[in-house]
N, C-alpha and C. Protein backbone atom coordinates (compact mmCIF):
# COMPACT_ATOMS: atom_id res chain seq x y z
N MET A 1 17.35 23.63 17.62
CA MET A 1 18.16 23.08 16.53
C MET A 1 18.86 21.81 17.03
N ILE A 2 19.11 20.90 16.11
CA ILE A 2 19.78 19.66 16.47
C ILE A 2 21.22 19.69 15.95
N SER A 3 22.07 18.86 16.55
CA SER A 3 23.48 18.86 16.19
C SER A 3 23.70 18.19 14.83
N GLN A 4 24.89 18.44 14.26
CA GLN A 4 25.22 17.81 12.97
C GLN A 4 25.28 16.29 13.09
N LEU A 5 25.76 15.79 14.21
CA LEU A 5 25.81 14.34 14.42
C LEU A 5 24.40 13.76 14.46
N ASP A 6 23.49 14.45 15.13
CA ASP A 6 22.10 14.00 15.18
C ASP A 6 21.47 14.00 13.79
N ILE A 7 21.83 14.99 12.99
CA ILE A 7 21.30 15.05 11.61
C ILE A 7 21.78 13.83 10.82
N TRP A 8 23.04 13.43 10.98
CA TRP A 8 23.55 12.26 10.28
C TRP A 8 22.86 10.98 10.76
N PHE A 9 22.66 10.87 12.07
CA PHE A 9 21.94 9.69 12.59
C PHE A 9 20.52 9.64 12.05
N LEU A 10 19.86 10.78 12.01
CA LEU A 10 18.51 10.87 11.47
C LEU A 10 18.50 10.47 10.00
N ALA A 11 19.46 10.96 9.24
CA ALA A 11 19.54 10.66 7.81
C ALA A 11 19.76 9.16 7.57
N ILE A 12 20.61 8.56 8.37
CA ILE A 12 20.87 7.12 8.22
C ILE A 12 19.62 6.32 8.59
N ALA A 13 18.94 6.74 9.65
CA ALA A 13 17.71 6.04 10.05
C ALA A 13 16.67 6.14 8.94
N LEU A 14 16.50 7.32 8.35
CA LEU A 14 15.54 7.48 7.26
C LEU A 14 15.95 6.66 6.04
N GLY A 15 17.25 6.55 5.79
CA GLY A 15 17.75 5.84 4.62
C GLY A 15 17.74 4.33 4.73
N MET A 16 17.46 3.79 5.92
CA MET A 16 17.49 2.34 6.07
C MET A 16 16.38 1.64 5.27
N ASP A 17 15.24 2.29 5.12
CA ASP A 17 14.20 1.72 4.26
C ASP A 17 14.69 1.64 2.82
N CYS A 18 15.37 2.69 2.37
CA CYS A 18 15.95 2.70 1.01
C CYS A 18 16.96 1.57 0.85
N PHE A 19 17.77 1.36 1.88
CA PHE A 19 18.77 0.30 1.85
C PHE A 19 18.11 -1.06 1.73
N ALA A 20 17.09 -1.32 2.55
CA ALA A 20 16.42 -2.62 2.53
C ALA A 20 15.74 -2.87 1.18
N VAL A 21 15.06 -1.86 0.65
CA VAL A 21 14.37 -2.02 -0.62
C VAL A 21 15.38 -2.19 -1.76
N SER A 22 16.46 -1.43 -1.74
CA SER A 22 17.49 -1.55 -2.78
C SER A 22 18.18 -2.90 -2.75
N THR A 23 18.42 -3.42 -1.56
CA THR A 23 19.02 -4.75 -1.44
C THR A 23 18.11 -5.80 -2.07
N THR A 24 16.82 -5.70 -1.77
CA THR A 24 15.86 -6.62 -2.34
C THR A 24 15.82 -6.49 -3.86
N CYS A 25 15.83 -5.25 -4.36
CA CYS A 25 15.83 -5.04 -5.81
C CYS A 25 17.09 -5.64 -6.43
N GLY A 26 18.22 -5.51 -5.77
CA GLY A 26 19.46 -6.11 -6.27
C GLY A 26 19.38 -7.62 -6.35
N ILE A 27 18.76 -8.23 -5.34
CA ILE A 27 18.58 -9.69 -5.36
C ILE A 27 17.69 -10.09 -6.54
N ILE A 28 16.66 -9.30 -6.81
CA ILE A 28 15.73 -9.62 -7.90
C ILE A 28 16.41 -9.48 -9.26
N VAL A 29 17.14 -8.38 -9.48
CA VAL A 29 17.70 -8.13 -10.81
C VAL A 29 18.98 -8.90 -11.07
N LYS A 30 19.67 -9.32 -10.02
CA LYS A 30 20.84 -10.20 -10.10
C LYS A 30 22.09 -9.59 -10.75
N GLN A 31 21.97 -8.42 -11.33
CA GLN A 31 23.13 -7.84 -12.02
C GLN A 31 23.22 -6.36 -11.67
N PHE A 32 24.41 -5.95 -11.26
CA PHE A 32 24.64 -4.55 -10.90
C PHE A 32 24.88 -3.75 -12.17
N VAL A 33 23.95 -2.86 -12.48
CA VAL A 33 24.03 -2.02 -13.67
C VAL A 33 24.06 -0.57 -13.19
N TRP A 34 25.18 0.12 -13.45
CA TRP A 34 25.34 1.48 -12.91
C TRP A 34 24.23 2.45 -13.28
N PRO A 35 23.81 2.55 -14.54
CA PRO A 35 22.76 3.53 -14.85
C PRO A 35 21.46 3.28 -14.09
N ILE A 36 21.05 2.02 -13.99
CA ILE A 36 19.83 1.67 -13.27
C ILE A 36 20.00 1.95 -11.78
N THR A 37 21.13 1.55 -11.24
CA THR A 37 21.41 1.76 -9.81
C THR A 37 21.45 3.24 -9.49
N LEU A 38 22.13 4.03 -10.32
CA LEU A 38 22.23 5.47 -10.05
C LEU A 38 20.87 6.15 -10.16
N ARG A 39 20.05 5.72 -11.13
CA ARG A 39 18.72 6.32 -11.24
C ARG A 39 17.89 6.01 -9.99
N MET A 40 17.93 4.76 -9.55
CA MET A 40 17.17 4.40 -8.35
C MET A 40 17.69 5.17 -7.14
N ALA A 41 19.00 5.22 -6.99
CA ALA A 41 19.59 5.92 -5.84
C ALA A 41 19.28 7.42 -5.88
N MET A 42 19.31 8.01 -7.08
CA MET A 42 18.97 9.44 -7.19
C MET A 42 17.51 9.69 -6.85
N LEU A 43 16.63 8.82 -7.33
CA LEU A 43 15.21 8.98 -7.00
C LEU A 43 14.97 8.82 -5.50
N PHE A 44 15.59 7.81 -4.91
CA PHE A 44 15.42 7.60 -3.47
C PHE A 44 15.97 8.81 -2.70
N GLY A 45 17.16 9.28 -3.08
CA GLY A 45 17.74 10.44 -2.41
C GLY A 45 16.91 11.70 -2.61
N LEU A 46 16.44 11.91 -3.83
CA LEU A 46 15.63 13.08 -4.13
C LEU A 46 14.34 13.10 -3.32
N PHE A 47 13.64 11.97 -3.28
CA PHE A 47 12.39 11.92 -2.54
C PHE A 47 12.62 12.02 -1.03
N GLN A 48 13.73 11.43 -0.55
CA GLN A 48 14.05 11.58 0.88
C GLN A 48 14.37 13.03 1.21
N LEU A 49 14.90 13.78 0.26
CA LEU A 49 15.18 15.20 0.44
C LEU A 49 13.91 16.04 0.32
N LEU A 50 13.06 15.72 -0.66
CA LEU A 50 11.87 16.53 -0.92
C LEU A 50 10.76 16.35 0.12
N MET A 51 10.62 15.16 0.65
CA MET A 51 9.52 14.94 1.60
C MET A 51 9.67 15.77 2.88
N PRO A 52 10.85 15.85 3.50
CA PRO A 52 10.96 16.73 4.67
C PRO A 52 10.74 18.20 4.30
N LEU A 53 11.20 18.58 3.11
CA LEU A 53 10.98 19.95 2.66
C LEU A 53 9.49 20.22 2.49
N THR A 54 8.79 19.25 1.91
CA THR A 54 7.34 19.38 1.74
C THR A 54 6.65 19.48 3.09
N GLY A 55 7.06 18.65 4.03
CA GLY A 55 6.48 18.70 5.38
C GLY A 55 6.74 20.02 6.05
N TRP A 56 7.96 20.53 5.90
CA TRP A 56 8.32 21.82 6.49
C TRP A 56 7.53 22.95 5.86
N LEU A 57 7.40 22.93 4.53
CA LEU A 57 6.64 23.98 3.83
C LEU A 57 5.15 23.90 4.15
N GLY A 58 4.65 22.71 4.30
CA GLY A 58 3.22 22.54 4.50
C GLY A 58 2.75 22.63 5.94
N ILE A 59 3.68 22.81 6.86
CA ILE A 59 3.31 22.81 8.28
C ILE A 59 2.23 23.84 8.59
N SER A 60 2.30 25.00 8.01
CA SER A 60 1.34 26.04 8.36
C SER A 60 -0.03 25.79 7.76
N LEU A 61 -0.09 25.14 6.61
CA LEU A 61 -1.37 24.95 5.95
C LEU A 61 -1.97 23.56 6.11
N PHE A 62 -1.14 22.54 6.00
CA PHE A 62 -1.67 21.19 5.88
C PHE A 62 -1.19 20.21 6.94
N ALA A 63 -0.46 20.65 7.92
CA ALA A 63 0.14 19.73 8.88
C ALA A 63 -0.89 18.81 9.52
N HIS A 64 -2.00 19.37 9.92
CA HIS A 64 -3.01 18.57 10.60
C HIS A 64 -3.54 17.45 9.69
N TYR A 65 -3.75 17.77 8.43
CA TYR A 65 -4.28 16.77 7.50
C TYR A 65 -3.23 15.72 7.16
N LEU A 66 -1.99 16.15 6.94
CA LEU A 66 -0.94 15.22 6.55
C LEU A 66 -0.60 14.26 7.68
N GLU A 67 -0.54 14.75 8.91
CA GLU A 67 -0.21 13.89 10.04
C GLU A 67 -1.24 12.78 10.21
N GLU A 68 -2.47 13.06 9.85
CA GLU A 68 -3.52 12.07 10.04
C GLU A 68 -3.49 10.95 9.01
N VAL A 69 -2.92 11.18 7.82
CA VAL A 69 -2.99 10.17 6.77
C VAL A 69 -1.64 9.72 6.22
N ASP A 70 -0.54 10.36 6.57
CA ASP A 70 0.74 10.00 5.94
C ASP A 70 1.11 8.55 6.19
N HIS A 71 0.84 8.04 7.38
CA HIS A 71 1.18 6.66 7.68
C HIS A 71 0.30 5.67 6.91
N TRP A 72 -0.95 6.05 6.64
CA TRP A 72 -1.83 5.19 5.85
C TRP A 72 -1.40 5.16 4.39
N ILE A 73 -0.95 6.30 3.87
CA ILE A 73 -0.45 6.36 2.49
C ILE A 73 0.78 5.47 2.35
N ALA A 74 1.73 5.61 3.29
CA ALA A 74 2.95 4.80 3.24
C ALA A 74 2.61 3.32 3.34
N PHE A 75 1.74 2.97 4.29
CA PHE A 75 1.35 1.58 4.45
C PHE A 75 0.68 1.05 3.19
N GLY A 76 -0.24 1.82 2.62
CA GLY A 76 -0.95 1.39 1.42
C GLY A 76 -0.02 1.14 0.24
N LEU A 77 0.90 2.08 0.00
CA LEU A 77 1.85 1.91 -1.11
C LEU A 77 2.75 0.70 -0.89
N LEU A 78 3.30 0.58 0.33
CA LEU A 78 4.21 -0.52 0.61
C LEU A 78 3.49 -1.87 0.59
N ALA A 79 2.28 -1.92 1.12
CA ALA A 79 1.52 -3.17 1.10
C ALA A 79 1.15 -3.55 -0.33
N PHE A 80 0.78 -2.57 -1.15
CA PHE A 80 0.46 -2.84 -2.55
C PHE A 80 1.67 -3.41 -3.29
N LEU A 81 2.81 -2.72 -3.17
CA LEU A 81 4.02 -3.19 -3.85
C LEU A 81 4.47 -4.54 -3.29
N GLY A 82 4.41 -4.69 -1.97
CA GLY A 82 4.79 -5.96 -1.35
C GLY A 82 3.89 -7.09 -1.80
N GLY A 83 2.59 -6.83 -1.87
CA GLY A 83 1.65 -7.84 -2.35
C GLY A 83 1.93 -8.27 -3.78
N ARG A 84 2.28 -7.30 -4.62
CA ARG A 84 2.62 -7.63 -6.02
C ARG A 84 3.88 -8.49 -6.07
N MET A 85 4.86 -8.15 -5.23
CA MET A 85 6.09 -8.94 -5.23
C MET A 85 5.83 -10.36 -4.74
N ILE A 86 5.01 -10.50 -3.71
CA ILE A 86 4.69 -11.84 -3.20
C ILE A 86 3.95 -12.64 -4.28
N ARG A 87 3.00 -12.01 -4.95
CA ARG A 87 2.29 -12.68 -6.05
C ARG A 87 3.27 -13.11 -7.14
N ASP A 88 4.21 -12.20 -7.48
CA ASP A 88 5.19 -12.51 -8.52
C ASP A 88 6.09 -13.67 -8.14
N ALA A 89 6.31 -13.87 -6.85
CA ALA A 89 7.18 -14.96 -6.41
C ALA A 89 6.63 -16.32 -6.83
N PHE A 90 5.33 -16.39 -7.03
CA PHE A 90 4.71 -17.67 -7.37
C PHE A 90 4.30 -17.76 -8.84
N LEU A 91 4.68 -16.73 -9.63
CA LEU A 91 4.40 -16.75 -11.07
C LEU A 91 5.66 -17.17 -11.83
N PRO A 92 5.50 -17.68 -13.05
CA PRO A 92 6.68 -17.92 -13.89
C PRO A 92 7.43 -16.61 -14.12
N ALA A 93 8.73 -16.65 -14.28
CA ALA A 93 9.57 -15.46 -14.39
C ALA A 93 9.10 -14.49 -15.47
N GLU A 94 8.60 -14.99 -16.58
CA GLU A 94 8.19 -14.10 -17.67
C GLU A 94 6.91 -13.33 -17.36
N ARG A 95 6.19 -13.66 -16.31
CA ARG A 95 4.94 -12.98 -15.96
C ARG A 95 5.10 -12.01 -14.79
N HIS A 96 6.29 -11.80 -14.30
CA HIS A 96 6.50 -10.91 -13.16
C HIS A 96 6.17 -9.47 -13.52
N SER A 97 5.41 -8.80 -12.66
CA SER A 97 5.06 -7.39 -12.91
C SER A 97 5.99 -6.44 -12.16
N MET A 98 6.68 -6.92 -11.14
CA MET A 98 7.57 -6.08 -10.34
C MET A 98 8.95 -6.11 -10.99
N ASN A 99 9.29 -5.03 -11.68
CA ASN A 99 10.58 -4.95 -12.34
C ASN A 99 11.32 -3.73 -11.81
N PRO A 100 12.30 -3.93 -10.93
CA PRO A 100 13.03 -2.79 -10.35
C PRO A 100 13.80 -1.95 -11.37
N HIS A 101 13.91 -2.42 -12.60
CA HIS A 101 14.59 -1.63 -13.63
C HIS A 101 13.71 -0.51 -14.18
N THR A 102 12.40 -0.63 -14.06
CA THR A 102 11.51 0.35 -14.69
C THR A 102 11.41 1.63 -13.85
N LEU A 103 11.28 2.74 -14.54
CA LEU A 103 11.16 4.04 -13.88
C LEU A 103 9.90 4.08 -13.02
N LYS A 104 8.81 3.51 -13.51
CA LYS A 104 7.54 3.52 -12.77
C LYS A 104 7.70 2.82 -11.41
N THR A 105 8.30 1.65 -11.41
CA THR A 105 8.51 0.92 -10.16
C THR A 105 9.43 1.69 -9.24
N GLN A 106 10.51 2.25 -9.78
CA GLN A 106 11.44 3.00 -8.96
C GLN A 106 10.79 4.24 -8.34
N LEU A 107 9.94 4.92 -9.10
CA LEU A 107 9.23 6.08 -8.56
C LEU A 107 8.28 5.67 -7.44
N MET A 108 7.55 4.58 -7.64
CA MET A 108 6.64 4.12 -6.59
C MET A 108 7.41 3.74 -5.33
N LEU A 109 8.53 3.06 -5.49
CA LEU A 109 9.34 2.69 -4.34
C LEU A 109 9.93 3.93 -3.66
N ALA A 110 10.35 4.92 -4.44
CA ALA A 110 10.91 6.15 -3.87
C ALA A 110 9.87 6.89 -3.04
N VAL A 111 8.66 6.98 -3.55
CA VAL A 111 7.58 7.64 -2.80
C VAL A 111 7.26 6.84 -1.55
N ALA A 112 7.10 5.54 -1.71
CA ALA A 112 6.71 4.70 -0.58
C ALA A 112 7.73 4.72 0.55
N THR A 113 9.02 4.72 0.21
CA THR A 113 10.04 4.70 1.26
C THR A 113 10.30 6.07 1.86
N SER A 114 9.75 7.13 1.27
CA SER A 114 10.03 8.47 1.77
C SER A 114 8.86 9.15 2.48
N ILE A 115 7.71 8.50 2.51
CA ILE A 115 6.53 9.12 3.12
C ILE A 115 6.79 9.46 4.59
N ASP A 116 7.47 8.58 5.31
CA ASP A 116 7.71 8.87 6.73
C ASP A 116 8.62 10.07 6.93
N ALA A 117 9.39 10.45 5.90
CA ALA A 117 10.25 11.63 6.00
C ALA A 117 9.43 12.92 6.01
N LEU A 118 8.19 12.85 5.58
CA LEU A 118 7.30 14.00 5.62
C LEU A 118 7.15 14.51 7.06
N ALA A 119 6.99 13.59 7.98
CA ALA A 119 6.83 13.96 9.39
C ALA A 119 8.10 14.60 9.94
N ILE A 120 9.26 14.21 9.39
CA ILE A 120 10.52 14.81 9.83
C ILE A 120 10.52 16.29 9.48
N GLY A 121 10.03 16.64 8.31
CA GLY A 121 9.95 18.04 7.91
C GLY A 121 9.05 18.84 8.84
N ILE A 122 7.97 18.23 9.25
CA ILE A 122 7.06 18.89 10.20
C ILE A 122 7.78 19.10 11.53
N SER A 123 8.53 18.08 11.95
CA SER A 123 9.25 18.22 13.22
C SER A 123 10.40 19.23 13.11
N PHE A 124 10.98 19.37 11.91
CA PHE A 124 12.01 20.40 11.73
C PHE A 124 11.45 21.78 12.05
N ALA A 125 10.25 22.05 11.61
CA ALA A 125 9.63 23.35 11.89
C ALA A 125 9.46 23.54 13.40
N CYS A 126 9.12 22.47 14.09
CA CYS A 126 8.94 22.54 15.54
C CYS A 126 10.27 22.64 16.29
N MET A 127 11.37 22.23 15.65
CA MET A 127 12.68 22.27 16.30
C MET A 127 13.43 23.58 16.06
N GLY A 128 12.82 24.51 15.39
CA GLY A 128 13.45 25.81 15.24
C GLY A 128 14.04 26.12 13.88
N PHE A 129 13.84 25.28 12.91
CA PHE A 129 14.30 25.57 11.55
C PHE A 129 13.28 26.53 10.93
N ARG A 130 13.59 27.82 10.99
CA ARG A 130 12.63 28.84 10.56
C ARG A 130 12.82 29.30 9.12
N HIS A 131 14.02 29.13 8.58
CA HIS A 131 14.33 29.60 7.23
C HIS A 131 14.86 28.44 6.41
N ILE A 132 14.61 28.51 5.12
CA ILE A 132 15.06 27.43 4.24
C ILE A 132 16.58 27.29 4.25
N ALA A 133 17.29 28.39 4.50
CA ALA A 133 18.75 28.32 4.55
C ALA A 133 19.22 27.43 5.69
N THR A 134 18.51 27.42 6.81
CA THR A 134 18.90 26.57 7.93
C THR A 134 18.54 25.11 7.67
N LEU A 135 17.63 24.89 6.75
CA LEU A 135 17.17 23.55 6.42
C LEU A 135 18.02 22.89 5.32
N ALA A 136 18.79 23.67 4.60
CA ALA A 136 19.54 23.16 3.45
C ALA A 136 20.49 22.04 3.84
N TYR A 137 21.27 22.22 4.89
CA TYR A 137 22.23 21.18 5.29
C TYR A 137 21.55 19.87 5.69
N PRO A 138 20.54 19.91 6.59
CA PRO A 138 19.88 18.64 6.93
C PRO A 138 19.26 17.94 5.72
N LEU A 139 18.65 18.70 4.82
CA LEU A 139 18.05 18.09 3.64
C LEU A 139 19.11 17.45 2.75
N PHE A 140 20.23 18.14 2.57
CA PHE A 140 21.33 17.59 1.78
C PHE A 140 21.83 16.28 2.39
N VAL A 141 22.02 16.26 3.69
CA VAL A 141 22.53 15.06 4.37
C VAL A 141 21.53 13.91 4.24
N ILE A 142 20.25 14.20 4.39
CA ILE A 142 19.22 13.16 4.26
C ILE A 142 19.22 12.58 2.85
N GLY A 143 19.26 13.43 1.84
CA GLY A 143 19.30 12.96 0.45
C GLY A 143 20.56 12.17 0.14
N LEU A 144 21.70 12.67 0.62
CA LEU A 144 22.98 11.99 0.39
C LEU A 144 23.00 10.61 1.05
N ALA A 145 22.54 10.53 2.28
CA ALA A 145 22.53 9.25 2.99
C ALA A 145 21.63 8.24 2.27
N ALA A 146 20.46 8.68 1.82
CA ALA A 146 19.56 7.78 1.09
C ALA A 146 20.21 7.32 -0.20
N PHE A 147 20.87 8.23 -0.91
CA PHE A 147 21.56 7.88 -2.15
C PHE A 147 22.63 6.82 -1.89
N MET A 148 23.50 7.08 -0.91
CA MET A 148 24.61 6.16 -0.63
C MET A 148 24.11 4.80 -0.14
N LEU A 149 23.10 4.80 0.72
CA LEU A 149 22.56 3.54 1.22
C LEU A 149 21.85 2.75 0.10
N SER A 150 21.25 3.46 -0.84
CA SER A 150 20.60 2.78 -1.97
C SER A 150 21.62 2.11 -2.88
N VAL A 151 22.71 2.80 -3.17
CA VAL A 151 23.77 2.20 -4.00
C VAL A 151 24.36 0.99 -3.27
N ALA A 152 24.63 1.15 -1.98
CA ALA A 152 25.20 0.05 -1.20
C ALA A 152 24.24 -1.14 -1.16
N GLY A 153 22.96 -0.89 -0.98
CA GLY A 153 21.97 -1.97 -0.93
C GLY A 153 21.88 -2.71 -2.26
N MET A 154 21.86 -1.95 -3.35
CA MET A 154 21.80 -2.59 -4.67
C MET A 154 23.05 -3.43 -4.91
N TYR A 155 24.21 -2.91 -4.54
CA TYR A 155 25.47 -3.65 -4.70
C TYR A 155 25.44 -4.94 -3.89
N LEU A 156 25.05 -4.84 -2.62
CA LEU A 156 25.01 -6.03 -1.77
C LEU A 156 24.00 -7.05 -2.29
N GLY A 157 22.85 -6.56 -2.72
CA GLY A 157 21.82 -7.47 -3.24
C GLY A 157 22.27 -8.22 -4.48
N THR A 158 22.94 -7.52 -5.40
CA THR A 158 23.37 -8.17 -6.64
C THR A 158 24.57 -9.09 -6.42
N HIS A 159 25.47 -8.70 -5.51
CA HIS A 159 26.69 -9.48 -5.34
C HIS A 159 26.59 -10.60 -4.30
N PHE A 160 25.74 -10.43 -3.33
CA PHE A 160 25.66 -11.42 -2.26
C PHE A 160 24.27 -12.03 -2.11
N GLY A 161 23.41 -11.78 -3.08
CA GLY A 161 22.05 -12.28 -3.01
C GLY A 161 21.85 -13.70 -3.51
N LYS A 162 22.85 -14.24 -4.19
CA LYS A 162 22.69 -15.59 -4.75
C LYS A 162 22.43 -16.65 -3.68
N PRO A 163 23.13 -16.64 -2.54
CA PRO A 163 22.80 -17.64 -1.51
C PRO A 163 21.36 -17.48 -1.00
N ILE A 164 20.90 -16.26 -0.91
CA ILE A 164 19.52 -16.02 -0.47
C ILE A 164 18.56 -16.55 -1.52
N GLU A 165 18.88 -16.27 -2.79
CA GLU A 165 18.00 -16.69 -3.88
C GLU A 165 17.89 -18.21 -3.95
N ARG A 166 18.96 -18.91 -3.64
CA ARG A 166 18.92 -20.37 -3.68
C ARG A 166 18.03 -20.94 -2.58
N ARG A 167 17.95 -20.23 -1.47
CA ARG A 167 17.17 -20.73 -0.33
C ARG A 167 15.70 -20.33 -0.39
N LEU A 168 15.42 -19.15 -0.90
CA LEU A 168 14.04 -18.71 -1.01
C LEU A 168 13.89 -17.73 -2.16
N LYS A 169 12.68 -17.44 -2.50
CA LYS A 169 12.40 -16.57 -3.63
C LYS A 169 12.62 -15.12 -3.22
N PRO A 170 13.47 -14.35 -3.94
CA PRO A 170 13.73 -12.97 -3.55
C PRO A 170 12.49 -12.08 -3.59
N GLU A 171 11.59 -12.34 -4.54
CA GLU A 171 10.38 -11.54 -4.60
C GLU A 171 9.53 -11.74 -3.35
N LEU A 172 9.50 -12.97 -2.84
CA LEU A 172 8.77 -13.25 -1.62
C LEU A 172 9.39 -12.52 -0.44
N LEU A 173 10.72 -12.60 -0.34
CA LEU A 173 11.43 -11.89 0.73
C LEU A 173 11.22 -10.39 0.60
N GLY A 174 11.35 -9.86 -0.61
CA GLY A 174 11.17 -8.43 -0.83
C GLY A 174 9.76 -7.96 -0.50
N GLY A 175 8.78 -8.74 -0.91
CA GLY A 175 7.39 -8.40 -0.60
C GLY A 175 7.14 -8.37 0.89
N LEU A 176 7.68 -9.37 1.59
CA LEU A 176 7.52 -9.40 3.05
C LEU A 176 8.23 -8.23 3.71
N ILE A 177 9.41 -7.84 3.19
CA ILE A 177 10.13 -6.69 3.74
C ILE A 177 9.33 -5.42 3.53
N LEU A 178 8.80 -5.21 2.33
CA LEU A 178 8.01 -4.01 2.07
C LEU A 178 6.77 -3.94 2.96
N ILE A 179 6.09 -5.05 3.11
CA ILE A 179 4.91 -5.07 3.98
C ILE A 179 5.31 -4.83 5.43
N ALA A 180 6.43 -5.40 5.86
CA ALA A 180 6.91 -5.18 7.24
C ALA A 180 7.24 -3.71 7.48
N ILE A 181 7.88 -3.07 6.50
CA ILE A 181 8.18 -1.64 6.63
C ILE A 181 6.88 -0.84 6.72
N GLY A 182 5.91 -1.20 5.89
CA GLY A 182 4.61 -0.52 5.93
C GLY A 182 3.92 -0.69 7.27
N ILE A 183 3.96 -1.90 7.81
CA ILE A 183 3.36 -2.16 9.13
C ILE A 183 4.10 -1.38 10.20
N LYS A 184 5.43 -1.32 10.11
CA LYS A 184 6.22 -0.55 11.08
C LYS A 184 5.82 0.92 11.07
N VAL A 185 5.70 1.49 9.89
CA VAL A 185 5.30 2.90 9.77
C VAL A 185 3.91 3.09 10.36
N LEU A 186 2.98 2.21 10.01
CA LEU A 186 1.60 2.32 10.49
C LEU A 186 1.52 2.19 12.01
N VAL A 187 2.15 1.17 12.56
CA VAL A 187 2.10 0.93 14.00
C VAL A 187 2.77 2.06 14.76
N SER A 188 3.91 2.53 14.27
CA SER A 188 4.61 3.60 14.99
C SER A 188 3.78 4.87 15.05
N HIS A 189 3.03 5.17 13.99
CA HIS A 189 2.18 6.36 13.99
C HIS A 189 0.92 6.15 14.82
N LEU A 190 0.36 4.94 14.78
CA LEU A 190 -0.87 4.70 15.54
C LEU A 190 -0.62 4.61 17.04
N CYS A 191 0.62 4.25 17.43
CA CYS A 191 0.95 4.12 18.86
C CYS A 191 1.46 5.41 19.47
N GLU A 192 1.54 6.48 18.70
CA GLU A 192 2.04 7.75 19.24
C GLU A 192 1.01 8.39 20.14
């Protein structure tokens, strides 16, 4: 078992992708809207909570298969979304397909940023979390951290993104960030 402090550090590390993506979304949308922000933060938190649970539940049946492809799934989703954002950076504003306000986009981002949390669930099983009751606290902390970091990222992006937007296109920056996160996930898994 790991300490409570380690669980918080793990949760913050997992939530940093949510923070980066939310900041980029805030820069794109330019306006902090509580219902949209809360929905995105809830989805990010929920998926960050569910993926480790899925990994933990699936360890006995599917661990071997999931470990082999989870990094490719994350990379593919992030590269796809990043590529769309980069393409949108060079289109007129009315033709942009990446809209962080839409539920579809938020769901895709939530899945893409939480795929690496699947491996955490698998490692929880290896660290001695044998019952779901012992897993409840770490999952809650992971979901809460992702939620809080997502709200903070959206706030920072909407309130402090104007200087960034004046210097470069936020969609271009966001697309590059998503692709970089995807490459990081891919490389870290391939180098293990």
